[in-house]
Amino acid sequence: MGGTDTEPVLASKWDLPLALFSLIRVAFGDLPVWAKAIVFGLVGSVGVWAAISGLRGRRSPAR
């Protein structure tokens, strides 16, 4: 087991979400609560806006 393995290693479906969660936790971990609230509020409002825009586009008649 000296690190000379050439066999492929398969990743689980949870590797990417776990890595993103860890990245966000480290990036925003030291911020004060008010700064976290502003950042998450902005991200949340963009998400809501994108969802509403997607629903509006879906309901419009096809040309």
N, C-alpha and C. Protein backbone atom coordinates (compact mmCIF):
# COMPACT_ATOMS: atom_id res chain seq x y z
N MET A 1 0.81 -1.18 0.00
CA MET A 1 0.00 0.00 0.00
C MET A 1 0.87 1.26 0.00
N GLY A 2 1.82 1.31 -0.86
CA GLY A 2 2.74 2.45 -0.89
C GLY A 2 2.29 3.59 -1.78
N GLY A 3 1.06 3.56 -2.25
CA GLY A 3 0.58 4.64 -3.09
C GLY A 3 0.87 4.42 -4.56
N THR A 4 1.22 3.19 -4.93
CA THR A 4 1.51 2.90 -6.34
C THR A 4 0.35 2.17 -7.00
N ASP A 5 -0.84 2.22 -6.39
CA ASP A 5 -2.02 1.57 -6.94
C ASP A 5 -2.43 2.24 -8.25
N THR A 6 -2.79 1.44 -9.23
CA THR A 6 -3.28 1.99 -10.49
C THR A 6 -4.75 1.66 -10.71
N GLU A 7 -5.39 1.07 -9.70
CA GLU A 7 -6.81 0.76 -9.82
C GLU A 7 -7.64 2.03 -9.67
N PRO A 8 -8.70 2.18 -10.49
CA PRO A 8 -9.55 3.37 -10.34
C PRO A 8 -10.35 3.31 -9.04
N VAL A 9 -10.57 4.47 -8.47
CA VAL A 9 -11.34 4.59 -7.24
C VAL A 9 -12.64 5.31 -7.58
N LEU A 10 -13.77 4.70 -7.24
CA LEU A 10 -15.05 5.30 -7.53
C LEU A 10 -15.47 6.22 -6.38
N ALA A 11 -16.02 7.36 -6.72
CA ALA A 11 -16.50 8.29 -5.71
C ALA A 11 -17.97 8.02 -5.42
N SER A 12 -18.38 8.30 -4.21
CA SER A 12 -19.78 8.13 -3.88
C SER A 12 -20.56 9.36 -4.34
N LYS A 13 -21.88 9.25 -4.35
CA LYS A 13 -22.71 10.37 -4.79
C LYS A 13 -22.71 11.51 -3.78
N TRP A 14 -22.21 11.28 -2.58
CA TRP A 14 -22.20 12.30 -1.55
C TRP A 14 -20.87 13.05 -1.46
N ASP A 15 -19.88 12.70 -2.27
CA ASP A 15 -18.58 13.37 -2.18
C ASP A 15 -18.66 14.85 -2.55
N LEU A 16 -19.33 15.18 -3.64
CA LEU A 16 -19.42 16.58 -4.06
C LEU A 16 -20.23 17.42 -3.09
N PRO A 17 -21.44 17.00 -2.67
CA PRO A 17 -22.17 17.81 -1.68
C PRO A 17 -21.40 17.99 -0.37
N LEU A 18 -20.71 16.96 0.08
CA LEU A 18 -19.93 17.07 1.32
C LEU A 18 -18.78 18.05 1.14
N ALA A 19 -18.12 18.01 0.00
CA ALA A 19 -17.02 18.94 -0.26
C ALA A 19 -17.53 20.38 -0.34
N LEU A 20 -18.68 20.60 -0.98
CA LEU A 20 -19.24 21.95 -1.07
C LEU A 20 -19.67 22.45 0.30
N PHE A 21 -20.30 21.58 1.10
CA PHE A 21 -20.70 21.97 2.46
C PHE A 21 -19.47 22.34 3.29
N SER A 22 -18.41 21.56 3.18
CA SER A 22 -17.18 21.85 3.94
C SER A 22 -16.55 23.16 3.47
N LEU A 23 -16.58 23.42 2.17
CA LEU A 23 -16.03 24.66 1.64
C LEU A 23 -16.81 25.86 2.16
N ILE A 24 -18.13 25.78 2.15
CA ILE A 24 -18.95 26.88 2.64
C ILE A 24 -18.75 27.08 4.14
N ARG A 25 -18.67 25.98 4.87
CA ARG A 25 -18.49 26.08 6.33
C ARG A 25 -17.17 26.75 6.67
N VAL A 26 -16.12 26.41 5.96
CA VAL A 26 -14.81 27.01 6.23
C VAL A 26 -14.78 28.46 5.76
N ALA A 27 -15.38 28.74 4.59
CA ALA A 27 -15.34 30.09 4.04
C ALA A 27 -16.11 31.08 4.90
N PHE A 28 -17.26 30.66 5.45
CA PHE A 28 -18.09 31.57 6.21
C PHE A 28 -18.05 31.32 7.71
N GLY A 29 -17.19 30.45 8.16
CA GLY A 29 -17.15 30.09 9.57
C GLY A 29 -16.75 31.21 10.50
N ASP A 30 -15.85 32.08 10.07
CA ASP A 30 -15.34 33.12 10.96
C ASP A 30 -16.07 34.45 10.81
N LEU A 31 -17.05 34.51 9.92
CA LEU A 31 -17.79 35.76 9.74
C LEU A 31 -18.73 36.00 10.91
N PRO A 32 -18.99 37.27 11.23
CA PRO A 32 -19.98 37.55 12.26
C PRO A 32 -21.38 37.17 11.78
N VAL A 33 -22.31 37.04 12.71
CA VAL A 33 -23.65 36.58 12.38
C VAL A 33 -24.34 37.52 11.40
N TRP A 34 -24.15 38.83 11.55
CA TRP A 34 -24.82 39.77 10.66
C TRP A 34 -24.33 39.62 9.22
N ALA A 35 -23.04 39.33 9.04
CA ALA A 35 -22.49 39.15 7.70
C ALA A 35 -23.00 37.86 7.07
N LYS A 36 -23.11 36.79 7.89
CA LYS A 36 -23.67 35.54 7.39
C LYS A 36 -25.11 35.73 6.96
N ALA A 37 -25.88 36.50 7.73
CA ALA A 37 -27.28 36.75 7.40
C ALA A 37 -27.40 37.50 6.07
N ILE A 38 -26.53 38.48 5.85
CA ILE A 38 -26.57 39.22 4.59
C ILE A 38 -26.22 38.31 3.41
N VAL A 39 -25.16 37.54 3.54
CA VAL A 39 -24.73 36.66 2.45
C VAL A 39 -25.81 35.62 2.14
N PHE A 40 -26.33 34.96 3.18
CA PHE A 40 -27.33 33.93 2.94
C PHE A 40 -28.65 34.53 2.48
N GLY A 41 -28.96 35.75 2.91
CA GLY A 41 -30.16 36.43 2.42
C GLY A 41 -30.05 36.75 0.94
N LEU A 42 -28.89 37.22 0.52
CA LEU A 42 -28.69 37.50 -0.91
C LEU A 42 -28.75 36.23 -1.75
N VAL A 43 -28.09 35.18 -1.28
CA VAL A 43 -28.12 33.91 -2.01
C VAL A 43 -29.54 33.35 -2.06
N GLY A 44 -30.25 33.44 -0.96
CA GLY A 44 -31.63 32.95 -0.92
C GLY A 44 -32.55 33.74 -1.83
N SER A 45 -32.38 35.07 -1.86
CA SER A 45 -33.23 35.88 -2.73
C SER A 45 -32.95 35.61 -4.20
N VAL A 46 -31.70 35.37 -4.55
CA VAL A 46 -31.38 35.00 -5.94
C VAL A 46 -32.01 33.65 -6.28
N GLY A 47 -31.99 32.72 -5.35
CA GLY A 47 -32.62 31.42 -5.58
C GLY A 47 -34.12 31.53 -5.79
N VAL A 48 -34.77 32.35 -4.96
CA VAL A 48 -36.22 32.55 -5.11
C VAL A 48 -36.53 33.24 -6.44
N TRP A 49 -35.74 34.24 -6.79
CA TRP A 49 -35.94 34.95 -8.06
C TRP A 49 -35.77 34.00 -9.24
N ALA A 50 -34.77 33.14 -9.19
CA ALA A 50 -34.55 32.18 -10.28
C ALA A 50 -35.70 31.19 -10.38
N ALA A 51 -36.22 30.74 -9.23
CA ALA A 51 -37.34 29.81 -9.24
C ALA A 51 -38.60 30.46 -9.82
N ILE A 52 -38.87 31.70 -9.42
CA ILE A 52 -40.04 32.40 -9.95
C ILE A 52 -39.89 32.66 -11.44
N SER A 53 -38.71 33.05 -11.88
CA SER A 53 -38.47 33.28 -13.30
C SER A 53 -38.65 31.99 -14.10
N GLY A 54 -38.18 30.89 -13.54
CA GLY A 54 -38.34 29.60 -14.22
C GLY A 54 -39.79 29.20 -14.34
N LEU A 55 -40.57 29.44 -13.29
CA LEU A 55 -41.99 29.11 -13.34
C LEU A 55 -42.74 30.00 -14.32
N ARG A 56 -42.38 31.28 -14.37
CA ARG A 56 -43.02 32.19 -15.34
C ARG A 56 -42.71 31.76 -16.77
N GLY A 57 -41.46 31.41 -17.02
CA GLY A 57 -41.08 30.98 -18.36
C GLY A 57 -41.75 29.68 -18.76
N ARG A 58 -42.02 28.84 -17.79
CA ARG A 58 -42.65 27.57 -18.07
C ARG A 58 -44.13 27.73 -18.38
N ARG A 59 -44.75 28.73 -17.77
CA ARG A 59 -46.18 28.94 -17.97
C ARG A 59 -46.50 29.75 -19.22
N SER A 60 -45.53 30.44 -19.78
CA SER A 60 -45.81 31.24 -20.97
C SER A 60 -46.09 30.32 -22.17
N PRO A 61 -46.97 30.75 -23.06
CA PRO A 61 -47.31 29.88 -24.20
C PRO A 61 -46.12 29.70 -25.14
N ALA A 62 -46.04 28.53 -25.71
CA ALA A 62 -44.96 28.23 -26.65
C ALA A 62 -45.22 28.94 -27.97
N ARG A 63 -44.16 29.36 -28.62
CA ARG A 63 -44.32 30.05 -29.91
C ARG A 63 -44.08 29.12 -31.05
